[in-house]
């Protein structure tokens, strides 16, 4: 599967192998467990992130991974989004520093 990432005028597809989606549940559950404790979403503390907020948080981690050239981390985070919200095909990244502005499409 693919998740399309748009950053400004640049679009990039992250290819997620099916085996990661099939076998990654332990990793995805760990992310969920960490987020169950709440998360600082830019200026706002969120006690119980919704599924959409969780995917915005993970999208922000994709942005960081891509900025650092960490393809493996970007792929794992893309897999989380595809697994938890299978209808999402693309993420338009907000690069103004506010992760709540990441659009899940």
PDB file of N, CA and C in Angstrom:
ATOM      1  N   UNK A   1       0.848  -1.179   0.000  1.00  0.00           N
ATOM      2  CA  UNK A   1       0.000   0.000   0.000  1.00  0.00           C
ATOM      3  C   UNK A   1       0.890   1.238   0.000  1.00  0.00           C
ATOM      4  N   UNK A   2       0.279   2.343  -0.344  1.00  0.00           N
ATOM      5  CA  UNK A   2       1.017   3.596  -0.369  1.00  0.00           C
ATOM      6  C   UNK A   2       0.286   4.655   0.430  1.00  0.00           C
ATOM      7  N   UNK A   3       1.072   5.530   1.044  1.00  0.00           N
ATOM      8  CA  UNK A   3       0.548   6.732   1.675  1.00  0.00           C
ATOM      9  C   UNK A   3       1.238   7.902   0.991  1.00  0.00           C
ATOM     10  N   UNK A   4       0.433   8.802   0.434  1.00  0.00           N
ATOM     11  CA  UNK A   4       0.973   9.964  -0.259  1.00  0.00           C
ATOM     12  C   UNK A   4       1.188  11.087   0.759  1.00  0.00           C
ATOM     13  N   UNK A   5       2.377  11.648   0.763  1.00  0.00           N
ATOM     14  CA  UNK A   5       2.741  12.730   1.671  1.00  0.00           C
ATOM     15  C   UNK A   5       2.977  13.982   0.842  1.00  0.00           C
ATOM     16  N   UNK A   6       2.272  15.053   1.185  1.00  0.00           N
ATOM     17  CA  UNK A   6       2.483  16.316   0.487  1.00  0.00           C
ATOM     18  C   UNK A   6       3.056  17.329   1.465  1.00  0.00           C
ATOM     19  N   UNK A   7       4.224  17.858   1.097  1.00  0.00           N
ATOM     20  CA  UNK A   7       4.893  18.890   1.883  1.00  0.00           C
ATOM     21  C   UNK A   7       5.116  20.060   0.936  1.00  0.00           C
ATOM     22  N   UNK A   8       4.405  21.159   1.180  1.00  0.00           N
ATOM     23  CA  UNK A   8       4.424  22.301   0.260  1.00  0.00           C
ATOM     24  C   UNK A   8       4.066  21.827  -1.140  1.00  0.00           C
ATOM     25  N   UNK A   9       4.938  22.060  -2.112  1.00  0.00           N
ATOM     26  CA  UNK A   9       4.664  21.673  -3.497  1.00  0.00           C
ATOM     27  C   UNK A   9       5.232  20.310  -3.854  1.00  0.00           C
ATOM     28  N   UNK A  10       5.768  19.606  -2.879  1.00  0.00           N
ATOM     29  CA  UNK A  10       6.403  18.314  -3.119  1.00  0.00           C
ATOM     30  C   UNK A  10       5.487  17.190  -2.646  1.00  0.00           C
ATOM     31  N   UNK A  11       5.308  16.194  -3.497  1.00  0.00           N
ATOM     32  CA  UNK A  11       4.526  15.011  -3.133  1.00  0.00           C
ATOM     33  C   UNK A  11       5.442  13.802  -3.177  1.00  0.00           C
ATOM     34  N   UNK A  12       5.308  12.979  -2.154  1.00  0.00           N
ATOM     35  CA  UNK A  12       6.128  11.772  -2.061  1.00  0.00           C
ATOM     36  C   UNK A  12       5.233  10.617  -1.635  1.00  0.00           C
ATOM     37  N   UNK A  13       5.404   9.476  -2.263  1.00  0.00           N
ATOM     38  CA  UNK A  13       4.674   8.274  -1.871  1.00  0.00           C
ATOM     39  C   UNK A  13       5.563   7.414  -0.990  1.00  0.00           C
ATOM     40  N   UNK A  14       5.005   6.980   0.123  1.00  0.00           N
ATOM     41  CA  UNK A  14       5.708   6.028   0.981  1.00  0.00           C
ATOM     42  C   UNK A  14       5.086   4.661   0.724  1.00  0.00           C
ATOM     43  N   UNK A  15       5.891   3.753   0.213  1.00  0.00           N
ATOM     44  CA  UNK A  15       5.437   2.385  -0.035  1.00  0.00           C
ATOM     45  C   UNK A  15       5.540   1.585   1.255  1.00  0.00           C
ATOM     46  N   UNK A  16       4.428   0.996   1.662  1.00  0.00           N
ATOM     47  CA  UNK A  16       4.391   0.181   2.872  1.00  0.00           C
ATOM     48  C   UNK A  16       4.140  -1.264   2.453  1.00  0.00           C
ATOM     49  N   UNK A  17       5.125  -2.138   2.640  1.00  0.00           N
ATOM     50  CA  UNK A  17       4.933  -3.548   2.290  1.00  0.00           C
ATOM     51  C   UNK A  17       3.790  -4.170   3.101  1.00  0.00           C
ATOM     52  N   UNK A  18       3.056  -5.063   2.481  1.00  0.00           N
ATOM     53  CA  UNK A  18       1.918  -5.702   3.136  1.00  0.00           C
ATOM     54  C   UNK A  18       2.330  -6.422   4.416  1.00  0.00           C
ATOM     55  N   UNK A  19       3.538  -7.011   4.445  1.00  0.00           N
ATOM     56  CA  UNK A  19       3.941  -7.751   5.644  1.00  0.00           C
ATOM     57  C   UNK A  19       4.059  -6.832   6.861  1.00  0.00           C
ATOM     58  N   UNK A  20       4.394  -5.564   6.653  1.00  0.00           N
ATOM     59  CA  UNK A  20       4.463  -4.635   7.793  1.00  0.00           C
ATOM     60  C   UNK A  20       3.063  -4.395   8.342  1.00  0.00           C
ATOM     61  N   UNK A  21       2.094  -4.225   7.463  1.00  0.00           N
ATOM     62  CA  UNK A  21       0.710  -4.049   7.908  1.00  0.00           C
ATOM     63  C   UNK A  21       0.201  -5.303   8.618  1.00  0.00           C
ATOM     64  N   UNK A  22       0.581  -6.470   8.095  1.00  0.00           N
ATOM     65  CA  UNK A  22       0.115  -7.740   8.658  1.00  0.00           C
ATOM     66  C   UNK A  22       0.788  -8.084   9.979  1.00  0.00           C
ATOM     67  N   UNK A  23       2.065  -7.752  10.111  1.00  0.00           N
ATOM     68  CA  UNK A  23       2.843  -8.209  11.266  1.00  0.00           C
ATOM     69  C   UNK A  23       3.222  -7.096  12.242  1.00  0.00           C
ATOM     70  N   UNK A  24       2.754  -5.884  12.001  1.00  0.00           N
ATOM     71  CA  UNK A  24       3.194  -4.760  12.817  1.00  0.00           C
ATOM     72  C   UNK A  24       2.325  -4.417  14.005  1.00  0.00           C
ATOM     73  N   UNK A  25       1.354  -5.262  14.335  1.00  0.00           N
ATOM     74  CA  UNK A  25       0.398  -4.908  15.384  1.00  0.00           C
ATOM     75  C   UNK A  25       1.059  -4.633  16.733  1.00  0.00           C
ATOM     76  N   UNK A  26       2.096  -5.371  17.093  1.00  0.00           N
ATOM     77  CA  UNK A  26       2.773  -5.103  18.370  1.00  0.00           C
ATOM     78  C   UNK A  26       3.339  -3.688  18.392  1.00  0.00           C
ATOM     79  N   UNK A  27       3.939  -3.273  17.290  1.00  0.00           N
ATOM     80  CA  UNK A  27       4.485  -1.920  17.181  1.00  0.00           C
ATOM     81  C   UNK A  27       3.366  -0.880  17.238  1.00  0.00           C
ATOM     82  N   UNK A  28       2.282  -1.120  16.506  1.00  0.00           N
ATOM     83  CA  UNK A  28       1.165  -0.181  16.489  1.00  0.00           C
ATOM     84  C   UNK A  28       0.517  -0.082  17.877  1.00  0.00           C
ATOM     85  N   UNK A  29       0.407  -1.211  18.565  1.00  0.00           N
ATOM     86  CA  UNK A  29      -0.164  -1.223  19.914  1.00  0.00           C
ATOM     87  C   UNK A  29       0.720  -0.447  20.885  1.00  0.00           C
ATOM     88  N   UNK A  30       2.030  -0.502  20.703  1.00  0.00           N
ATOM     89  CA  UNK A  30       2.955   0.258  21.553  1.00  0.00           C
ATOM     90  C   UNK A  30       2.752   1.761  21.349  1.00  0.00           C
ATOM     91  N   UNK A  31       2.583   2.169  20.105  1.00  0.00           N
ATOM     92  CA  UNK A  31       2.292   3.586  19.839  1.00  0.00           C
ATOM     93  C   UNK A  31       0.996   3.978  20.538  1.00  0.00           C
ATOM     94  N   UNK A  32      -0.045   3.154  20.391  1.00  0.00           N
ATOM     95  CA  UNK A  32      -1.325   3.448  21.037  1.00  0.00           C
ATOM     96  C   UNK A  32      -1.177   3.525  22.549  1.00  0.00           C
ATOM     97  N   UNK A  33      -0.420   2.608  23.126  1.00  0.00           N
ATOM     98  CA  UNK A  33      -0.205   2.603  24.570  1.00  0.00           C
ATOM     99  C   UNK A  33       0.478   3.893  25.022  1.00  0.00           C
ATOM    100  N   UNK A  34       1.489   4.313  24.282  1.00  0.00           N
ATOM    101  CA  UNK A  34       2.175   5.566  24.612  1.00  0.00           C
ATOM    102  C   UNK A  34       1.220   6.753  24.517  1.00  0.00           C
ATOM    103  N   UNK A  35       0.386   6.778  23.492  1.00  0.00           N
ATOM    104  CA  UNK A  35      -0.533   7.896  23.292  1.00  0.00           C
ATOM    105  C   UNK A  35      -1.704   7.875  24.269  1.00  0.00           C
ATOM    106  N   UNK A  36      -1.981   6.708  24.863  1.00  0.00           N
ATOM    107  CA  UNK A  36      -3.041   6.615  25.872  1.00  0.00           C
ATOM    108  C   UNK A  36      -2.746   7.494  27.082  1.00  0.00           C
ATOM    109  N   UNK A  37      -1.485   7.848  27.279  1.00  0.00           N
ATOM    110  CA  UNK A  37      -1.092   8.693  28.413  1.00  0.00           C
ATOM    111  C   UNK A  37      -1.230  10.179  28.103  1.00  0.00           C
ATOM    112  N   UNK A  38      -1.678  10.497  26.891  1.00  0.00           N
ATOM    113  CA  UNK A  38      -1.815  11.887  26.480  1.00  0.00           C
ATOM    114  C   UNK A  38      -0.616  12.315  25.659  1.00  0.00           C
ATOM    115  N   UNK A  39      -0.748  13.499  25.030  1.00  0.00           N
ATOM    116  CA  UNK A  39       0.331  13.962  24.156  1.00  0.00           C
ATOM    117  C   UNK A  39       0.248  15.473  23.997  1.00  0.00           C
ATOM    118  N   UNK A  40       1.398  16.095  23.935  1.00  0.00           N
ATOM    119  CA  UNK A  40       1.481  17.526  23.670  1.00  0.00           C
ATOM    120  C   UNK A  40       1.404  17.740  22.163  1.00  0.00           C
ATOM    121  N   UNK A  41       0.263  18.209  21.695  1.00  0.00           N
ATOM    122  CA  UNK A  41       0.080  18.466  20.265  1.00  0.00           C
ATOM    123  C   UNK A  41       0.307  19.953  20.018  1.00  0.00           C
ATOM    124  N   UNK A  42       1.538  20.271  19.661  1.00  0.00           N
ATOM    125  CA  UNK A  42       1.950  21.659  19.491  1.00  0.00           C
ATOM    126  C   UNK A  42       1.715  22.383  20.813  1.00  0.00           C
ATOM    127  N   UNK A  43       0.840  23.374  20.873  1.00  0.00           N
ATOM    128  CA  UNK A  43       0.635  24.122  22.129  1.00  0.00           C
ATOM    129  C   UNK A  43      -0.428  23.510  23.034  1.00  0.00           C
ATOM    130  N   UNK A  44      -1.112  22.497  22.559  1.00  0.00           N
ATOM    131  CA  UNK A  44      -2.260  21.938  23.266  1.00  0.00           C
ATOM    132  C   UNK A  44      -1.937  20.564  23.845  1.00  0.00           C
ATOM    133  N   UNK A  45      -2.185  20.380  25.154  1.00  0.00           N
ATOM    134  CA  UNK A  45      -2.066  19.059  25.761  1.00  0.00           C
ATOM    135  C   UNK A  45      -3.387  18.325  25.550  1.00  0.00           C
ATOM    136  N   UNK A  46      -3.313  17.113  25.024  1.00  0.00           N
ATOM    137  CA  UNK A  46      -4.508  16.304  24.768  1.00  0.00           C
ATOM    138  C   UNK A  46      -4.426  15.072  25.658  1.00  0.00           C
ATOM    139  N   UNK A  47      -5.377  14.965  26.616  1.00  0.00           N
ATOM    140  CA  UNK A  47      -5.379  13.838  27.557  1.00  0.00           C
ATOM    141  C   UNK A  47      -5.646  12.506  26.873  1.00  0.00           C
ATOM    142  N   UNK A  48      -6.626  12.499  25.992  1.00  0.00           N
ATOM    143  CA  UNK A  48      -7.020  11.265  25.308  1.00  0.00           C
ATOM    144  C   UNK A  48      -7.148  11.546  23.811  1.00  0.00           C
ATOM    145  N   UNK A  49      -6.044  11.424  23.072  1.00  0.00           N
ATOM    146  CA  UNK A  49      -6.109  11.712  21.635  1.00  0.00           C
ATOM    147  C   UNK A  49      -7.097  10.797  20.916  1.00  0.00           C
ATOM    148  N   UNK A  50      -7.883  11.400  20.034  1.00  0.00           N
ATOM    149  CA  UNK A  50      -8.785  10.630  19.176  1.00  0.00           C
ATOM    150  C   UNK A  50      -7.944   9.891  18.135  1.00  0.00           C
ATOM    151  N   UNK A  51      -8.582   9.029  17.367  1.00  0.00           N
ATOM    152  CA  UNK A  51      -7.842   8.317  16.324  1.00  0.00           C
ATOM    153  C   UNK A  51      -7.273   9.295  15.301  1.00  0.00           C
ATOM    154  N   UNK A  52      -8.039  10.311  14.953  1.00  0.00           N
ATOM    155  CA  UNK A  52      -7.530  11.314  14.004  1.00  0.00           C
ATOM    156  C   UNK A  52      -6.328  12.053  14.594  1.00  0.00           C
ATOM    157  N   UNK A  53      -6.416  12.442  15.859  1.00  0.00           N
ATOM    158  CA  UNK A  53      -5.288  13.129  16.496  1.00  0.00           C
ATOM    159  C   UNK A  53      -4.066  12.218  16.576  1.00  0.00           C
ATOM    160  N   UNK A  54      -4.286  10.947  16.863  1.00  0.00           N
ATOM    161  CA  UNK A  54      -3.167   9.998  16.910  1.00  0.00           C
ATOM    162  C   UNK A  54      -2.464   9.944  15.555  1.00  0.00           C
ATOM    163  N   UNK A  55      -3.255   9.945  14.498  1.00  0.00           N
ATOM    164  CA  UNK A  55      -2.652   9.897  13.165  1.00  0.00           C
ATOM    165  C   UNK A  55      -1.972  11.213  12.809  1.00  0.00           C
ATOM    166  N   UNK A  56      -2.470  12.334  13.319  1.00  0.00           N
ATOM    167  CA  UNK A  56      -1.769  13.608  13.121  1.00  0.00           C
ATOM    168  C   UNK A  56      -0.427  13.590  13.852  1.00  0.00           C
ATOM    169  N   UNK A  57      -0.406  13.039  15.046  1.00  0.00           N
ATOM    170  CA  UNK A  57       0.838  12.914  15.816  1.00  0.00           C
ATOM    171  C   UNK A  57       1.831  12.050  15.050  1.00  0.00           C
ATOM    172  N   UNK A  58       1.362  10.922  14.559  1.00  0.00           N
ATOM    173  CA  UNK A  58       2.226  10.010  13.806  1.00  0.00           C
ATOM    174  C   UNK A  58       2.667  10.655  12.494  1.00  0.00           C
ATOM    175  N   UNK A  59       1.780  11.423  11.859  1.00  0.00           N
ATOM    176  CA  UNK A  59       2.163  12.144  10.639  1.00  0.00           C
ATOM    177  C   UNK A  59       3.310  13.104  10.932  1.00  0.00           C
ATOM    178  N   UNK A  60       3.275  13.729  12.104  1.00  0.00           N
ATOM    179  CA  UNK A  60       4.369  14.624  12.482  1.00  0.00           C
ATOM    180  C   UNK A  60       5.675  13.848  12.619  1.00  0.00           C
ATOM    181  N   UNK A  61       5.583  12.623  13.097  1.00  0.00           N
ATOM    182  CA  UNK A  61       6.778  11.770  13.190  1.00  0.00           C
ATOM    183  C   UNK A  61       7.285  11.389  11.795  1.00  0.00           C
ATOM    184  N   UNK A  62       6.366  11.243  10.833  1.00  0.00           N
ATOM    185  CA  UNK A  62       6.780  10.999   9.447  1.00  0.00           C
ATOM    186  C   UNK A  62       7.558  12.202   8.927  1.00  0.00           C
ATOM    187  N   UNK A  63       7.046  13.392   9.194  1.00  0.00           N
ATOM    188  CA  UNK A  63       7.724  14.611   8.749  1.00  0.00           C
ATOM    189  C   UNK A  63       9.140  14.675   9.309  1.00  0.00           C
ATOM    190  N   UNK A  64       9.293  14.355  10.584  1.00  0.00           N
ATOM    191  CA  UNK A  64      10.619  14.330  11.212  1.00  0.00           C
ATOM    192  C   UNK A  64      11.500  13.268  10.572  1.00  0.00           C
ATOM    193  N   UNK A  65      10.945  12.084  10.363  1.00  0.00           N
ATOM    194  CA  UNK A  65      11.724  10.993   9.760  1.00  0.00           C
ATOM    195  C   UNK A  65      12.210  11.370   8.363  1.00  0.00           C
ATOM    196  N   UNK A  66      11.333  11.955   7.561  1.00  0.00           N
ATOM    197  CA  UNK A  66      11.725  12.348   6.210  1.00  0.00           C
ATOM    198  C   UNK A  66      12.786  13.442   6.247  1.00  0.00           C
ATOM    199  N   UNK A  67      12.641  14.376   7.181  1.00  0.00           N
ATOM    200  CA  UNK A  67      13.632  15.454   7.315  1.00  0.00           C
ATOM    201  C   UNK A  67      14.999  14.913   7.690  1.00  0.00           C
ATOM    202  N   UNK A  68      15.008  13.822   8.461  1.00  0.00           N
ATOM    203  CA  UNK A  68      16.263  13.223   8.920  1.00  0.00           C
ATOM    204  C   UNK A  68      16.757  12.102   8.011  1.00  0.00           C
ATOM    205  N   UNK A  69      16.038  11.822   6.930  1.00  0.00           N
ATOM    206  CA  UNK A  69      16.434  10.751   6.017  1.00  0.00           C
ATOM    207  C   UNK A  69      16.227   9.359   6.574  1.00  0.00           C
ATOM    208  N   UNK A  70      15.315   9.220   7.543  1.00  0.00           N
ATOM    209  CA  UNK A  70      15.065   7.931   8.183  1.00  0.00           C
ATOM    210  C   UNK A  70      13.864   7.248   7.516  1.00  0.00           C
ATOM    211  N   UNK A  71      14.125   6.594   6.400  1.00  0.00           N
ATOM    212  CA  UNK A  71      13.066   5.955   5.613  1.00  0.00           C
ATOM    213  C   UNK A  71      12.344   4.858   6.401  1.00  0.00           C
ATOM    214  N   UNK A  72      13.089   4.083   7.182  1.00  0.00           N
ATOM    215  CA  UNK A  72      12.486   2.974   7.932  1.00  0.00           C
ATOM    216  C   UNK A  72      11.432   3.490   8.915  1.00  0.00           C
ATOM    217  N   UNK A  73      11.776   4.515   9.672  1.00  0.00           N
ATOM    218  CA  UNK A  73      10.828   5.084  10.620  1.00  0.00           C
ATOM    219  C   UNK A  73       9.624   5.677   9.892  1.00  0.00           C
ATOM    220  N   UNK A  74       9.870   6.378   8.793  1.00  0.00           N
ATOM    221  CA  UNK A  74       8.774   6.945   8.011  1.00  0.00           C
ATOM    222  C   UNK A  74       7.821   5.876   7.511  1.00  0.00           C
ATOM    223  N   UNK A  75       8.369   4.757   7.076  1.00  0.00           N
ATOM    224  CA  UNK A  75       7.545   3.651   6.581  1.00  0.00           C
ATOM    225  C   UNK A  75       6.711   3.044   7.706  1.00  0.00           C
ATOM    226  N   UNK A  76       7.310   2.855   8.872  1.00  0.00           N
ATOM    227  CA  UNK A  76       6.572   2.291  10.008  1.00  0.00           C
ATOM    228  C   UNK A  76       5.444   3.218  10.451  1.00  0.00           C
ATOM    229  N   UNK A  77       5.708   4.516  10.471  1.00  0.00           N
ATOM    230  CA  UNK A  77       4.673   5.474  10.865  1.00  0.00           C
ATOM    231  C   UNK A  77       3.559   5.536   9.815  1.00  0.00           C
ATOM    232  N   UNK A  78       3.930   5.462   8.540  1.00  0.00           N
ATOM    233  CA  UNK A  78       2.919   5.420   7.478  1.00  0.00           C
ATOM    234  C   UNK A  78       2.054   4.168   7.625  1.00  0.00           C
ATOM    235  N   UNK A  79       2.682   3.059   7.993  1.00  0.00           N
ATOM    236  CA  UNK A  79       1.939   1.809   8.198  1.00  0.00           C
ATOM    237  C   UNK A  79       0.917   1.970   9.318  1.00  0.00           C
ATOM    238  N   UNK A  80       1.296   2.665  10.387  1.00  0.00           N
ATOM    239  CA  UNK A  80       0.362   2.899  11.492  1.00  0.00           C
ATOM    240  C   UNK A  80      -0.887   3.622  10.978  1.00  0.00           C
ATOM    241  N   UNK A  81      -0.679   4.687  10.210  1.00  0.00           N
ATOM    242  CA  UNK A  81      -1.816   5.450   9.693  1.00  0.00           C
ATOM    243  C   UNK A  81      -2.681   4.575   8.790  1.00  0.00           C
ATOM    244  N   UNK A  82      -2.056   3.838   7.886  1.00  0.00           N
ATOM    245  CA  UNK A  82      -2.815   2.980   6.969  1.00  0.00           C
ATOM    246  C   UNK A  82      -3.573   1.883   7.706  1.00  0.00           C
ATOM    247  N   UNK A  83      -3.020   1.392   8.799  1.00  0.00           N
ATOM    248  CA  UNK A  83      -3.666   0.321   9.570  1.00  0.00           C
ATOM    249  C   UNK A  83      -4.810   0.868  10.428  1.00  0.00           C
ATOM    250  N   UNK A  84      -4.577   1.998  11.075  1.00  0.00           N
ATOM    251  CA  UNK A  84      -5.573   2.537  12.001  1.00  0.00           C
ATOM    252  C   UNK A  84      -6.691   3.311  11.304  1.00  0.00           C
ATOM    253  N   UNK A  85      -6.381   3.902  10.156  1.00  0.00           N
ATOM    254  CA  UNK A  85      -7.385   4.651   9.393  1.00  0.00           C
ATOM    255  C   UNK A  85      -7.246   4.256   7.919  1.00  0.00           C
ATOM    256  N   UNK A  86      -7.717   3.054   7.558  1.00  0.00           N
ATOM    257  CA  UNK A  86      -7.472   2.509   6.222  1.00  0.00           C
ATOM    258  C   UNK A  86      -8.030   3.351   5.074  1.00  0.00           C
ATOM    259  N   UNK A  87      -8.969   4.224   5.365  1.00  0.00           N
ATOM    260  CA  UNK A  87      -9.532   5.062   4.299  1.00  0.00           C
ATOM    261  C   UNK A  87      -8.620   6.239   3.939  1.00  0.00           C
ATOM    262  N   UNK A  88      -7.607   6.508   4.745  1.00  0.00           N
ATOM    263  CA  UNK A  88      -6.684   7.618   4.478  1.00  0.00           C
ATOM    264  C   UNK A  88      -5.743   7.228   3.339  1.00  0.00           C
ATOM    265  N   UNK A  89      -5.634   8.107   2.361  1.00  0.00           N
ATOM    266  CA  UNK A  89      -4.749   7.870   1.223  1.00  0.00           C
ATOM    267  C   UNK A  89      -3.593   8.857   1.177  1.00  0.00           C
ATOM    268  N   UNK A  90      -3.776  10.008   1.847  1.00  0.00           N
ATOM    269  CA  UNK A  90      -2.753  11.048   1.757  1.00  0.00           C
ATOM    270  C   UNK A  90      -2.747  11.893   3.020  1.00  0.00           C
ATOM    271  N   UNK A  91      -1.607  12.527   3.258  1.00  0.00           N
ATOM    272  CA  UNK A  91      -1.463  13.485   4.352  1.00  0.00           C
ATOM    273  C   UNK A  91      -0.852  14.751   3.769  1.00  0.00           C
ATOM    274  N   UNK A  92      -1.537  15.872   3.971  1.00  0.00           N
ATOM    275  CA  UNK A  92      -0.969  17.169   3.619  1.00  0.00           C
ATOM    276  C   UNK A  92      -0.350  17.725   4.898  1.00  0.00           C
ATOM    277  N   UNK A  93       0.962  17.862   4.884  1.00  0.00           N
ATOM    278  CA  UNK A  93       1.692  18.281   6.074  1.00  0.00           C
ATOM    279  C   UNK A  93       1.640  19.795   6.260  1.00  0.00           C
ATOM    280  N   UNK A  94       1.417  20.206   7.499  1.00  0.00           N
ATOM    281  CA  UNK A  94       1.529  21.604   7.881  1.00  0.00           C
ATOM    282  C   UNK A  94       2.953  21.801   8.369  1.00  0.00           C
ATOM    283  N   UNK A  95       3.713  22.632   7.695  1.00  0.00           N
ATOM    284  CA  UNK A  95       5.111  22.825   8.094  1.00  0.00           C
ATOM    285  C   UNK A  95       5.300  24.101   8.909  1.00  0.00           C
ATOM    286  N   UNK A  96       4.203  24.646   9.411  1.00  0.00           N
ATOM    287  CA  UNK A  96       4.260  25.853  10.234  1.00  0.00           C
ATOM    288  C   UNK A  96       4.509  25.530  11.704  1.00  0.00           C
ATOM    289  N   UNK A  97       4.709  24.252  12.018  1.00  0.00           N
ATOM    290  CA  UNK A  97       4.991  23.868  13.394  1.00  0.00           C
ATOM    291  C   UNK A  97       3.776  23.454  14.200  1.00  0.00           C
ATOM    292  N   UNK A  98       2.617  23.336  13.571  1.00  0.00           N
ATOM    293  CA  UNK A  98       1.397  22.952  14.279  1.00  0.00           C
ATOM    294  C   UNK A  98       0.884  21.630  13.719  1.00  0.00           C
ATOM    295  N   UNK A  99       1.137  20.560  14.449  1.00  0.00           N
ATOM    296  CA  UNK A  99       0.741  19.240  13.967  1.00  0.00           C
ATOM    297  C   UNK A  99      -0.765  19.082  13.838  1.00  0.00           C
ATOM    298  N   UNK A 100      -1.542  19.903  14.543  1.00  0.00           N
ATOM    299  CA  UNK A 100      -2.994  19.797  14.408  1.00  0.00           C
ATOM    300  C   UNK A 100      -3.454  20.258  13.029  1.00  0.00           C
ATOM    301  N   UNK A 101      -2.552  20.862  12.264  1.00  0.00           N
ATOM    302  CA  UNK A 101      -2.866  21.292  10.910  1.00  0.00           C
ATOM    303  C   UNK A 101      -2.574  20.253   9.845  1.00  0.00           C
ATOM    304  N   UNK A 102      -2.016  19.101  10.234  1.00  0.00           N
ATOM    305  CA  UNK A 102      -1.800  18.031   9.256  1.00  0.00           C
ATOM    306  C   UNK A 102      -3.170  17.516   8.812  1.00  0.00           C
ATOM    307  N   UNK A 103      -3.414  17.528   7.504  1.00  0.00           N
ATOM    308  CA  UNK A 103      -4.702  17.085   6.972  1.00  0.00           C
ATOM    309  C   UNK A 103      -4.613  15.638   6.520  1.00  0.00           C
ATOM    310  N   UNK A 104      -5.515  14.823   7.031  1.00  0.00           N
ATOM    311  CA  UNK A 104      -5.601  13.412   6.653  1.00  0.00           C
ATOM    312  C   UNK A 104      -6.685  13.284   5.593  1.00  0.00           C
ATOM    313  N   UNK A 105      -6.295  12.831   4.417  1.00  0.00           N
ATOM    314  CA  UNK A 105      -7.247  12.764   3.296  1.00  0.00           C
ATOM    315  C   UNK A 105      -7.433  11.339   2.800  1.00  0.00           C
TER     316      UNK A 105
END
